[in-house]
C-alpha atoms as a PDB file:
ATOM      1  CA  MET A   1      -4.070 -12.306 -18.635  1.00  0.00           C
ATOM      2  CA  LYS A   2      -7.585 -13.638 -18.034  1.00  0.00           C
ATOM      3  CA  ASN A   3      -6.527 -15.325 -14.846  1.00  0.00           C
ATOM      4  CA  LYS A   4      -4.932 -12.148 -13.497  1.00  0.00           C
ATOM      5  CA  GLN A   5      -8.178 -10.275 -14.383  1.00  0.00           C
ATOM      6  CA  LYS A   6     -10.264 -12.862 -12.537  1.00  0.00           C
ATOM      7  CA  GLN A   7      -7.971 -12.702  -9.417  1.00  0.00           C
ATOM      8  CA  ILE A   8      -8.488  -8.961  -9.359  1.00  0.00           C
ATOM      9  CA  GLN A   9     -12.255  -9.277  -9.553  1.00  0.00           C
ATOM     10  CA  LEU A  10     -12.243 -11.921  -6.794  1.00  0.00           C
ATOM     11  CA  ARG A  11     -10.204  -9.598  -4.589  1.00  0.00           C
ATOM     12  CA  ASP A  12     -12.616  -6.723  -5.293  1.00  0.00           C
ATOM     13  CA  VAL A  13     -15.612  -8.958  -4.285  1.00  0.00           C
ATOM     14  CA  GLN A  14     -13.741  -9.994  -1.198  1.00  0.00           C
ATOM     15  CA  ASP A  15     -13.003  -6.395  -0.345  1.00  0.00           C
ATOM     16  CA  VAL A  16     -16.778  -5.575  -0.483  1.00  0.00           C
ATOM     17  CA  ILE A  17     -17.703  -8.555   1.646  1.00  0.00           C
ATOM     18  CA  ASP A  18     -14.971  -7.712   4.164  1.00  0.00           C
ATOM     19  CA  VAL A  19     -16.356  -4.198   4.657  1.00  0.00           C
ATOM     20  CA  ILE A  20     -20.111  -4.628   4.526  1.00  0.00           C
ATOM     21  CA  GLY A  21     -20.140  -8.458   5.474  1.00  0.00           C
ATOM     22  CA  GLY A  22     -20.748  -9.720   8.989  1.00  0.00           C
ATOM     23  CA  ARG A  23     -24.036  -9.949  10.865  1.00  0.00           C
ATOM     24  CA  TRP A  24     -24.665  -6.267  11.498  1.00  0.00           C
ATOM     25  CA  ARG A  25     -22.785  -3.970   9.080  1.00  0.00           C
ATOM     26  CA  GLY A  26     -25.208  -4.305   6.110  1.00  0.00           C
ATOM     27  CA  ALA A  27     -28.146  -3.759   8.329  1.00  0.00           C
ATOM     28  CA  ILE A  28     -26.632  -0.636   9.931  1.00  0.00           C
ATOM     29  CA  LEU A  29     -25.885   0.849   6.467  1.00  0.00           C
ATOM     30  CA  ALA A  30     -29.358  -0.028   5.325  1.00  0.00           C
ATOM     31  CA  SER A  31     -30.812   1.635   8.322  1.00  0.00           C
ATOM     32  CA  LEU A  32     -28.728   4.731   7.709  1.00  0.00           C
ATOM     33  CA  CYS A  33     -29.955   4.886   3.982  1.00  0.00           C
ATOM     34  CA  ASP A  34     -33.293   6.391   5.342  1.00  0.00           C
ATOM     35  CA  LYS A  35     -31.793   9.191   7.328  1.00  0.00           C
ATOM     36  CA  GLU A  36     -29.335  10.261   9.944  1.00  0.00           C
ATOM     37  CA  LYS A  37     -29.936   8.480  13.234  1.00  0.00           C
ATOM     38  CA  ARG A  38     -28.927   8.619  16.865  1.00  0.00           C
ATOM     39  CA  PHE A  39     -27.483   5.349  18.579  1.00  0.00           C
ATOM     40  CA  ASN A  40     -30.790   4.379  20.242  1.00  0.00           C
ATOM     41  CA  GLU A  41     -32.707   4.689  16.948  1.00  0.00           C
ATOM     42  CA  LEU A  42     -30.160   2.409  15.239  1.00  0.00           C
ATOM     43  CA  LYS A  43     -30.353  -0.082  18.158  1.00  0.00           C
ATOM     44  CA  ARG A  44     -34.203   0.019  17.886  1.00  0.00           C
ATOM     45  CA  ASP A  45     -34.107  -0.533  14.151  1.00  0.00           C
ATOM     46  CA  LEU A  46     -31.676  -3.501  14.621  1.00  0.00           C
ATOM     47  CA  GLY A  47     -33.382  -5.211  17.449  1.00  0.00           C
ATOM     48  CA  ILE A  48     -31.276  -7.649  19.396  1.00  0.00           C
ATOM     49  CA  ILE A  49     -27.904  -6.042  18.763  1.00  0.00           C
ATOM     50  CA  THR A  50     -26.032  -5.333  21.975  1.00  0.00           C
ATOM     51  CA  PRO A  51     -24.779  -1.695  22.608  1.00  0.00           C
ATOM     52  CA  ARG A  52     -21.149  -3.001  22.627  1.00  0.00           C
ATOM     53  CA  THR A  53     -21.625  -4.630  19.184  1.00  0.00           C
ATOM     54  CA  LEU A  54     -23.217  -1.569  17.783  1.00  0.00           C
ATOM     55  CA  THR A  55     -20.534   0.652  19.040  1.00  0.00           C
ATOM     56  CA  LYS A  56     -17.895  -1.575  17.614  1.00  0.00           C
ATOM     57  CA  GLU A  57     -19.497  -1.938  14.177  1.00  0.00           C
ATOM     58  CA  LEU A  58     -20.129   1.978  13.946  1.00  0.00           C
ATOM     59  CA  LYS A  59     -16.470   2.537  14.754  1.00  0.00           C
ATOM     60  CA  TYR A  60     -15.470   0.023  12.007  1.00  0.00           C
ATOM     61  CA  LEU A  61     -17.757   1.660   9.422  1.00  0.00           C
ATOM     62  CA  GLU A  62     -16.467   5.031  10.495  1.00  0.00           C
ATOM     63  CA  MET A  63     -12.973   3.995  10.063  1.00  0.00           C
ATOM     64  CA  ASN A  64     -13.737   2.631   6.623  1.00  0.00           C
ATOM     65  CA  LYS A  65     -15.213   6.138   5.679  1.00  0.00           C
ATOM     66  CA  LEU A  66     -18.675   4.735   5.258  1.00  0.00           C
ATOM     67  CA  VAL A  67     -20.359   6.346   8.365  1.00  0.00           C
ATOM     68  CA  SER A  68     -19.934   9.731   9.914  1.00  0.00           C
ATOM     69  CA  ARG A  69     -20.332  10.484  13.645  1.00  0.00           C
ATOM     70  CA  GLU A  70     -21.542  13.937  14.514  1.00  0.00           C
ATOM     71  CA  VAL A  71     -21.512  15.301  17.998  1.00  0.00           C
ATOM     72  CA  ASP A  72     -23.905  18.306  18.836  1.00  0.00           C
ATOM     73  CA  THR A  73     -23.059  20.129  21.961  1.00  0.00           C
ATOM     74  CA  SER A  74     -25.445  23.032  21.338  1.00  0.00           C
ATOM     75  CA  GLY A  75     -27.836  21.747  23.938  1.00  0.00           C
ATOM     76  CA  ALA A  76     -27.820  18.371  25.574  1.00  0.00           C
ATOM     77  CA  VAL A  77     -24.994  16.454  23.960  1.00  0.00           C
ATOM     78  CA  THR A  78     -26.372  14.287  21.117  1.00  0.00           C
ATOM     79  CA  ILE A  79     -24.398  11.988  18.849  1.00  0.00           C
ATOM     80  CA  SER A  80     -25.836  11.049  15.444  1.00  0.00           C
ATOM     81  CA  TYR A  81     -24.604   8.824  12.662  1.00  0.00           C
ATOM     82  CA  SER A  82     -25.079   9.171   8.837  1.00  0.00           C
ATOM     83  CA  LEU A  83     -23.734   7.910   5.701  1.00  0.00           C
ATOM     84  CA  THR A  84     -20.805   9.622   4.276  1.00  0.00           C
ATOM     85  CA  GLU A  85     -20.677  10.499   0.553  1.00  0.00           C
ATOM     86  CA  HIS A  86     -18.704   7.243   0.151  1.00  0.00           C
ATOM     87  CA  GLY A  87     -21.164   5.401   2.214  1.00  0.00           C
ATOM     88  CA  LYS A  88     -24.139   6.747   0.044  1.00  0.00           C
ATOM     89  CA  SER A  89     -22.552   5.171  -2.933  1.00  0.00           C
ATOM     90  CA  LEU A  90     -23.603   1.837  -1.428  1.00  0.00           C
ATOM     91  CA  GLU A  91     -27.260   2.709  -1.574  1.00  0.00           C
ATOM     92  CA  PRO A  92     -27.971   1.218  -5.002  1.00  0.00           C
ATOM     93  CA  LEU A  93     -26.135  -2.024  -3.868  1.00  0.00           C
ATOM     94  CA  ILE A  94     -28.050  -2.217  -0.621  1.00  0.00           C
ATOM     95  CA  GLY A  95     -31.408  -1.781  -2.691  1.00  0.00           C
ATOM     96  CA  GLN A  96     -30.286  -4.736  -4.807  1.00  0.00           C
ATOM     97  CA  ILE A  97     -29.457  -6.735  -1.950  1.00  0.00           C
ATOM     98  CA  VAL A  98     -32.928  -6.126  -0.263  1.00  0.00           C
ATOM     99  CA  ALA A  99     -34.646  -7.158  -3.648  1.00  0.00           C
ATOM    100  CA  TRP A 100     -32.407 -10.372  -3.906  1.00  0.00           C
ATOM    101  CA  GLY A 101     -33.099 -11.132  -0.146  1.00  0.00           C
ATOM    102  CA  GLN A 102     -36.842 -10.866  -0.668  1.00  0.00           C
ATOM    103  CA  LYS A 103     -36.666 -13.145  -3.764  1.00  0.00           C
ATOM    104  CA  HIS A 104     -34.319 -15.638  -1.943  1.00  0.00           C
ATOM    105  CA  ARG A 105     -36.650 -15.880   0.935  1.00  0.00           C
ATOM    106  CA  LYS A 106     -39.545 -16.839  -1.277  1.00  0.00           C
ATOM    107  CA  VAL A 107     -37.405 -19.461  -3.044  1.00  0.00           C
ATOM    108  CA  VAL A 108     -36.259 -20.949   0.252  1.00  0.00           C
ATOM    109  CA  LEU A 109     -39.538 -20.753   2.065  1.00  0.00           C
ATOM    110  CA  GLY A 110     -41.616 -21.740  -0.928  1.00  0.00           C
END
């Protein structure tokens, strides 16, 4: 019984890593925790990410119901991205990751 429970927990951890892991997904989600952003605002936040990679990652996050893409055609066409309600549920986890990352950097760099 305990082994089955552990396997389920490990699968759950792997699911989270698969969805928010990778080089850019966590950073995109963290950037969108602040507010809704347009593509170039995200690109500016993330620095060296290529437009192609950002597009690919945003599509992946949208497919996984974490990010919403809004098209506004009332004037010049603008596209903005925001966290979905499901994506907002990651905000506490992202906050913990940020805090752990700061502590880890201090440990590693001395």
